Amino acid sequence: MADIRTRLGDWTLDNPIIPASGTFGFGQEFAKLYDINILGSFSFKGTTKEPRFGNPTPRIAECTAGMINSVGLANPGIDKVIAGELPKLRGIFKKPVIANISGFSIDEYKYCCERIDKEDGIGIIEVNISCPNVHAGGMAFGTSPEAAAEVTRAVKSVTHKPVYMKLSPNVASIVDIAKACEAAGADGIALINTLLGMKIDIKRRKPVVANKMGGFSGPAIFPVAVRMVYQVYEAVKIPIIGMGGVASAEDVIEMMMAGASAVEVGAMNLTEPGICPKIIGELPGLCDSLGIENITDIIGAAHC
């Protein structure tokens, strides 16, 4: 049977399947449904310096082959995550976890990353640079190579754990931003975050979500994600975690052939909570049928 273990730098995962941040909370709800220790790891809920209630409701809208969300990084704040959520998490998950960190200023990113870096059981710090920079008129940090590099350097200056920069697809050149993050010291790249989308209620003649626009995710964005992972793989030498619309074992293989070393599953966790165990169960057989003995052999296999 195929070996589906993979590596992110020095970290070996039992398999490449990682529930994405924002779709898995801190693991408690899913631990009631299945043994979450079968996962390669998971990325916990996006965490900021201060507690956040999030955006006004309604925050989520279903749409063709996906969903739009404008949750607004609702979370208890870094101090409560460390004091409350991490101890509970260690009771149900025995592997290193990925800490997803967000911020609205360079100082916030540094503060949160420095705090979480000291915690046991954190394998990777995943830095979400899709947040609006409050000191630069609200433009997201991840929309320019210079801003992305600035966050990367700042976070790396206060951390020892591997730092993976999570990139937004809502940019002119995701390759330039990935290269800037690598040059600034990033240990890896995670992509893609959600696309910007909108849904209008034709009876009410108004946007469905209160914030009008939100992050579009789900199977419809998968080809975009594969394309961007493929492009970034050719541009950088650091590991990539691929995500965006992943819904099957076949999608995982495709994403890894594009260049991903591991794969995050996002929106499908919300519509089909058992999707990750299903994919993990199907991966060995699919690899066997494709003549894949070690899943790491296919990383970047689609590149000539």
Protein backbone atom coordinates (compact mmCIF):
# COMPACT_ATOMS: atom_id res chain seq x y z
CA MET A 1 0.00 0.00 0.00
CA ALA A 2 1.18 3.52 -0.83
CA ASP A 3 3.00 5.56 1.78
CA ILE A 4 0.99 8.77 2.21
CA ARG A 5 3.29 10.44 4.72
CA THR A 6 4.62 13.83 3.69
CA ARG A 7 6.91 16.54 5.00
CA LEU A 8 6.73 20.25 5.63
CA GLY A 9 10.36 21.18 6.21
CA ASP A 10 11.56 19.06 9.14
CA TRP A 11 8.03 18.07 10.16
CA THR A 12 6.72 14.68 9.01
CA LEU A 13 2.93 14.36 8.73
CA ASP A 14 1.14 11.01 8.70
CA ASN A 15 -0.76 12.23 5.65
CA PRO A 16 -1.11 15.51 3.74
CA ILE A 17 -4.64 16.36 4.92
CA ILE A 18 -5.05 19.51 7.03
CA PRO A 19 -8.41 21.18 7.77
CA ALA A 20 -8.07 24.87 6.96
CA SER A 21 -8.31 27.71 9.44
CA GLY A 22 -11.81 29.08 9.91
CA THR A 23 -13.48 25.77 9.04
CA PHE A 24 -12.40 23.63 12.00
CA GLY A 25 -12.48 25.94 15.03
CA PHE A 26 -10.09 24.63 17.68
CA GLY A 27 -11.02 21.02 16.97
CA GLN A 28 -13.55 20.51 19.75
CA GLU A 29 -16.66 20.20 17.57
CA PHE A 30 -15.07 17.79 15.11
CA ALA A 31 -13.56 15.67 17.90
CA LYS A 32 -17.15 14.70 18.73
CA LEU A 33 -17.60 13.35 15.20
CA TYR A 34 -14.37 11.39 14.66
CA ASP A 35 -10.86 10.85 16.02
CA ILE A 36 -9.17 13.99 14.71
CA ASN A 37 -5.76 12.42 15.35
CA ILE A 38 -6.08 10.71 11.97
CA LEU A 39 -5.42 14.12 10.39
CA GLY A 40 -1.99 15.21 9.25
CA SER A 41 -2.60 18.31 11.35
CA PHE A 42 -5.09 21.16 11.36
CA SER A 43 -4.93 24.94 11.21
CA PHE A 44 -6.84 26.46 14.10
CA LYS A 45 -9.19 29.42 14.00
CA GLY A 46 -7.61 32.70 12.85
CA THR A 47 -6.39 34.49 15.96
CA THR A 48 -5.81 38.20 16.55
CA LYS A 49 -4.37 40.22 19.43
CA GLU A 50 -7.74 41.41 20.76
CA PRO A 51 -10.99 39.43 20.96
CA ARG A 52 -13.24 39.98 17.94
CA PHE A 53 -16.97 39.47 17.66
CA GLY A 54 -16.69 39.64 13.90
CA ASN A 55 -18.82 41.23 11.22
CA PRO A 56 -22.58 41.84 11.40
CA THR A 57 -24.91 38.99 10.49
CA PRO A 58 -25.83 37.41 8.13
CA ARG A 59 -22.24 36.39 7.47
CA ILE A 60 -22.54 33.36 5.21
CA ALA A 61 -24.28 32.77 1.89
CA GLU A 62 -24.41 29.55 -0.11
CA CYS A 63 -23.87 29.91 -3.84
CA THR A 64 -23.14 27.77 -6.87
CA ALA A 65 -20.35 25.28 -6.07
CA GLY A 66 -19.29 27.18 -2.99
CA MET A 67 -20.06 29.73 -0.33
CA ILE A 68 -19.38 33.35 0.57
CA ASN A 69 -18.37 34.20 4.11
CA SER A 70 -17.73 37.47 5.87
CA VAL A 71 -17.24 36.20 9.42
CA GLY A 72 -14.65 38.86 10.17
CA LEU A 73 -12.07 36.87 12.14
CA ALA A 74 -14.32 36.26 15.14
CA ASN A 75 -12.06 34.83 17.85
CA PRO A 76 -11.37 35.14 21.60
CA GLY A 77 -7.98 36.85 21.17
CA ILE A 78 -4.46 35.47 21.53
CA ASP A 79 -4.33 35.53 25.34
CA LYS A 80 -7.54 33.51 25.74
CA VAL A 81 -6.49 31.13 22.97
CA ILE A 82 -3.26 30.40 24.84
CA ALA A 83 -4.85 30.22 28.28
CA GLY A 84 -8.06 28.43 27.36
CA GLU A 85 -8.16 26.86 23.91
CA LEU A 86 -4.67 25.35 23.70
CA PRO A 87 -4.94 23.36 26.97
CA LYS A 88 -8.26 21.91 25.78
CA LEU A 89 -6.76 21.21 22.36
CA ARG A 90 -3.87 19.26 23.86
CA GLY A 91 -6.42 16.99 25.50
CA ILE A 92 -7.90 15.89 22.17
CA PHE A 93 -5.09 16.26 19.63
CA LYS A 94 -1.72 14.60 20.12
CA LYS A 95 0.11 16.02 17.10
CA PRO A 96 1.57 19.46 16.43
CA VAL A 97 -1.03 21.93 15.20
CA ILE A 98 -0.82 24.90 12.83
CA ALA A 99 -1.45 28.28 14.48
CA ASN A 100 -3.18 30.72 12.14
CA ILE A 101 -2.36 34.30 13.10
CA SER A 102 -3.89 37.52 11.78
CA GLY A 103 -3.25 41.18 12.53
CA PHE A 104 -4.14 44.72 11.57
CA SER A 105 -0.68 46.20 12.08
CA ILE A 106 2.92 44.99 12.07
CA ASP A 107 3.03 45.28 15.85
CA GLU A 108 -0.06 43.05 16.20
CA TYR A 109 1.46 40.37 14.00
CA LYS A 110 4.69 40.48 16.00
CA TYR A 111 2.89 40.35 19.34
CA CYS A 112 0.70 37.38 18.44
CA CYS A 113 3.45 35.40 16.72
CA GLU A 114 5.91 35.96 19.54
CA ARG A 115 3.30 34.77 22.05
CA ILE A 116 2.27 31.66 20.13
CA ASP A 117 5.88 30.79 19.27
CA LYS A 118 6.52 29.96 22.94
CA GLU A 119 3.73 27.35 23.10
CA ASP A 120 4.35 23.62 22.94
CA GLY A 121 2.45 21.68 20.33
CA ILE A 122 2.63 24.37 17.64
CA GLY A 123 4.29 22.93 14.53
CA ILE A 124 3.93 25.88 12.17
CA ILE A 125 2.81 29.49 12.44
CA GLU A 126 0.58 30.27 9.46
CA VAL A 127 0.47 34.05 9.01
CA ASN A 128 -2.63 35.34 7.24
CA ILE A 129 -1.67 38.49 5.34
CA SER A 130 -5.11 39.05 3.82
CA CYS A 131 -5.98 41.42 6.69
CA PRO A 132 -6.42 45.17 6.08
CA ASN A 133 -3.50 47.29 7.27
CA VAL A 134 -5.16 49.92 9.46
CA HIS A 135 -2.09 52.14 9.17
CA ALA A 136 -2.15 52.13 5.38
CA GLY A 137 -5.75 53.00 4.55
CA GLY A 138 -7.12 49.47 4.88
CA MET A 139 -5.23 47.84 2.02
CA ALA A 140 -4.43 44.21 2.84
CA PHE A 141 -0.81 43.39 3.75
CA GLY A 142 -0.78 40.66 1.14
CA THR A 143 -1.58 42.89 -1.83
CA SER A 144 1.97 44.14 -2.37
CA PRO A 145 5.34 42.37 -2.27
CA GLU A 146 6.80 45.11 -0.08
CA ALA A 147 4.07 44.88 2.59
CA ALA A 148 4.14 41.07 2.55
CA ALA A 149 7.90 41.09 3.01
CA GLU A 150 7.62 43.59 5.86
CA VAL A 151 5.25 41.33 7.78
CA THR A 152 7.44 38.31 7.08
CA ARG A 153 10.59 39.98 8.36
CA ALA A 154 8.80 41.29 11.45
CA VAL A 155 7.37 37.90 12.37
CA LYS A 156 10.62 36.05 11.71
CA SER A 157 12.47 38.45 14.01
CA VAL A 158 10.46 37.25 17.03
CA THR A 159 9.90 33.54 16.26
CA HIS A 160 11.81 30.28 16.15
CA LYS A 161 9.10 28.02 14.76
CA PRO A 162 8.60 27.69 10.98
CA VAL A 163 6.57 30.56 9.51
CA TYR A 164 4.32 29.98 6.49
CA MET A 165 2.81 33.06 4.86
CA LYS A 166 -0.81 32.58 3.78
CA LEU A 167 -1.41 34.49 0.55
CA SER A 168 -4.47 36.16 -0.91
CA PRO A 169 -5.40 35.39 -4.54
CA ASN A 170 -6.88 38.89 -4.92
CA VAL A 171 -3.64 40.32 -6.30
CA ALA A 172 -2.01 41.18 -9.62
CA SER A 173 0.89 38.73 -9.20
CA ILE A 174 0.86 36.09 -6.49
CA VAL A 175 4.30 34.95 -7.70
CA ASP A 176 5.89 38.30 -6.88
CA ILE A 177 4.39 38.23 -3.39
CA ALA A 178 5.49 34.65 -2.75
CA LYS A 179 9.04 35.48 -3.87
CA ALA A 180 9.09 38.54 -1.61
CA CYS A 181 8.03 36.42 1.37
CA GLU A 182 10.72 33.84 0.62
CA ALA A 183 13.38 36.53 0.30
CA ALA A 184 12.26 38.00 3.64
CA GLY A 185 12.79 34.65 5.40
CA ALA A 186 9.52 32.74 5.16
CA ASP A 187 9.89 29.00 5.75
CA GLY A 188 6.92 28.16 3.54
CA ILE A 189 3.93 29.49 1.64
CA ALA A 190 0.24 28.65 2.14
CA LEU A 191 -2.17 29.46 -0.69
CA ILE A 192 -4.77 30.36 -1.62
CA ASN A 193 -7.04 32.26 0.73
CA THR A 194 -10.57 33.06 -0.47
CA LEU A 195 -11.45 35.03 -3.57
CA LEU A 196 -13.56 38.14 -3.16
CA GLY A 197 -17.18 37.40 -4.03
CA MET A 198 -20.74 38.61 -3.68
CA LYS A 199 -24.29 37.27 -3.81
CA ILE A 200 -27.44 39.34 -4.25
CA ASP A 201 -30.93 38.36 -3.09
CA ILE A 202 -32.99 39.12 -6.20
CA LYS A 203 -36.25 39.28 -4.23
CA ARG A 204 -34.92 41.74 -1.66
CA ARG A 205 -32.63 43.45 -4.19
CA LYS A 206 -29.88 43.53 -1.61
CA PRO A 207 -26.60 41.70 -0.93
CA VAL A 208 -27.17 38.52 1.07
CA VAL A 209 -24.33 39.09 3.56
CA ALA A 210 -24.45 42.18 5.74
CA ASN A 211 -20.92 43.18 4.75
CA LYS A 212 -22.03 43.07 1.08
CA MET A 213 -18.94 41.18 -0.07
CA GLY A 214 -17.00 38.27 1.39
CA GLY A 215 -14.59 35.45 0.79
CA PHE A 216 -15.68 33.02 -1.93
CA SER A 217 -14.58 29.44 -1.29
CA GLY A 218 -15.59 25.92 -2.25
CA PRO A 219 -15.06 23.61 -5.26
CA ALA A 220 -15.60 26.41 -7.79
CA ILE A 221 -12.25 28.03 -6.91
CA PHE A 222 -10.18 24.83 -7.17
CA PRO A 223 -8.79 25.44 -10.70
CA VAL A 224 -7.65 28.92 -9.65
CA ALA A 225 -5.92 27.50 -6.59
CA VAL A 226 -4.17 24.79 -8.62
CA ARG A 227 -2.95 27.39 -11.11
CA MET A 228 -1.54 29.61 -8.38
CA VAL A 229 0.15 26.73 -6.54
CA TYR A 230 1.69 25.67 -9.85
CA GLN A 231 3.00 29.17 -10.53
CA VAL A 232 4.41 29.67 -7.04
CA TYR A 233 6.09 26.24 -7.02
CA GLU A 234 8.09 27.30 -10.07
CA ALA A 235 9.12 30.56 -8.40
CA VAL A 236 10.18 29.53 -4.86
CA LYS A 237 12.22 26.79 -3.23
CA ILE A 238 10.34 26.63 0.09
CA PRO A 239 7.46 24.19 0.81
CA ILE A 240 3.90 25.01 -0.19
CA ILE A 241 0.65 24.14 1.56
CA GLY A 242 -2.03 24.18 -1.13
CA MET A 243 -5.70 24.93 -0.54
CA GLY A 244 -8.77 26.31 -2.23
CA GLY A 245 -11.78 24.23 -3.20
CA VAL A 246 -10.30 20.83 -2.33
CA ALA A 247 -13.15 18.30 -2.17
CA SER A 248 -11.72 14.84 -2.92
CA ALA A 249 -8.69 12.56 -2.86
CA GLU A 250 -8.28 13.27 -6.58
CA ASP A 251 -8.09 16.98 -5.80
CA VAL A 252 -5.34 16.31 -3.26
CA ILE A 253 -3.27 14.43 -5.83
CA GLU A 254 -3.79 17.19 -8.37
CA MET A 255 -2.80 19.89 -5.89
CA MET A 256 0.34 17.99 -4.92
CA MET A 257 1.28 17.44 -8.56
CA ALA A 258 0.99 21.22 -8.97
CA GLY A 259 3.57 21.61 -6.19
CA ALA A 260 1.94 21.37 -2.77
CA SER A 261 3.65 19.31 -0.06
CA ALA A 262 0.45 19.20 2.00
CA VAL A 263 -3.15 20.20 1.34
CA GLU A 264 -5.70 22.09 3.42
CA VAL A 265 -9.40 21.33 3.12
CA GLY A 266 -11.64 24.31 3.84
CA ALA A 267 -15.27 24.92 2.95
CA MET A 268 -16.05 21.22 2.51
CA ASN A 269 -15.63 20.74 6.27
CA LEU A 270 -18.71 22.91 6.72
CA THR A 271 -20.91 21.15 4.17
CA GLU A 272 -19.57 17.61 4.70
CA PRO A 273 -17.98 17.35 8.18
CA GLY A 274 -16.58 13.87 7.48
CA ILE A 275 -14.75 14.92 4.31
CA CYS A 276 -11.22 14.76 5.76
CA PRO A 277 -11.48 11.17 7.10
CA LYS A 278 -13.06 10.22 3.78
CA ILE A 279 -10.18 11.66 1.78
CA ILE A 280 -7.56 10.10 4.08
CA GLY A 281 -9.27 6.73 3.70
CA GLU A 282 -9.35 6.96 -0.08
CA LEU A 283 -5.84 8.29 -0.67
CA PRO A 284 -3.85 5.01 -0.37
CA GLY A 285 -6.08 3.18 -2.82
CA LEU A 286 -6.04 6.05 -5.27
CA CYS A 287 -2.25 6.22 -5.08
CA ASP A 288 -2.03 2.48 -5.73
CA SER A 289 -4.29 2.80 -8.78
CA LEU A 290 -2.05 5.57 -10.14
CA GLY A 291 1.17 3.68 -9.48
CA ILE A 292 2.27 6.04 -6.71
CA GLU A 293 4.33 4.26 -4.05
CA ASN A 294 5.27 7.34 -2.00
CA ILE A 295 3.02 10.38 -2.15
CA THR A 296 6.01 12.71 -1.80
CA ASP A 297 7.20 11.52 -5.21
CA ILE A 298 4.37 13.40 -6.91
CA ILE A 299 5.07 16.83 -5.40
CA GLY A 300 5.54 19.07 -8.43
CA ALA A 301 5.18 16.11 -10.82
CA ALA A 302 3.13 18.15 -13.30
CA HIS A 303 6.10 20.45 -13.99
CA CYS A 304 8.17 19.71 -17.07
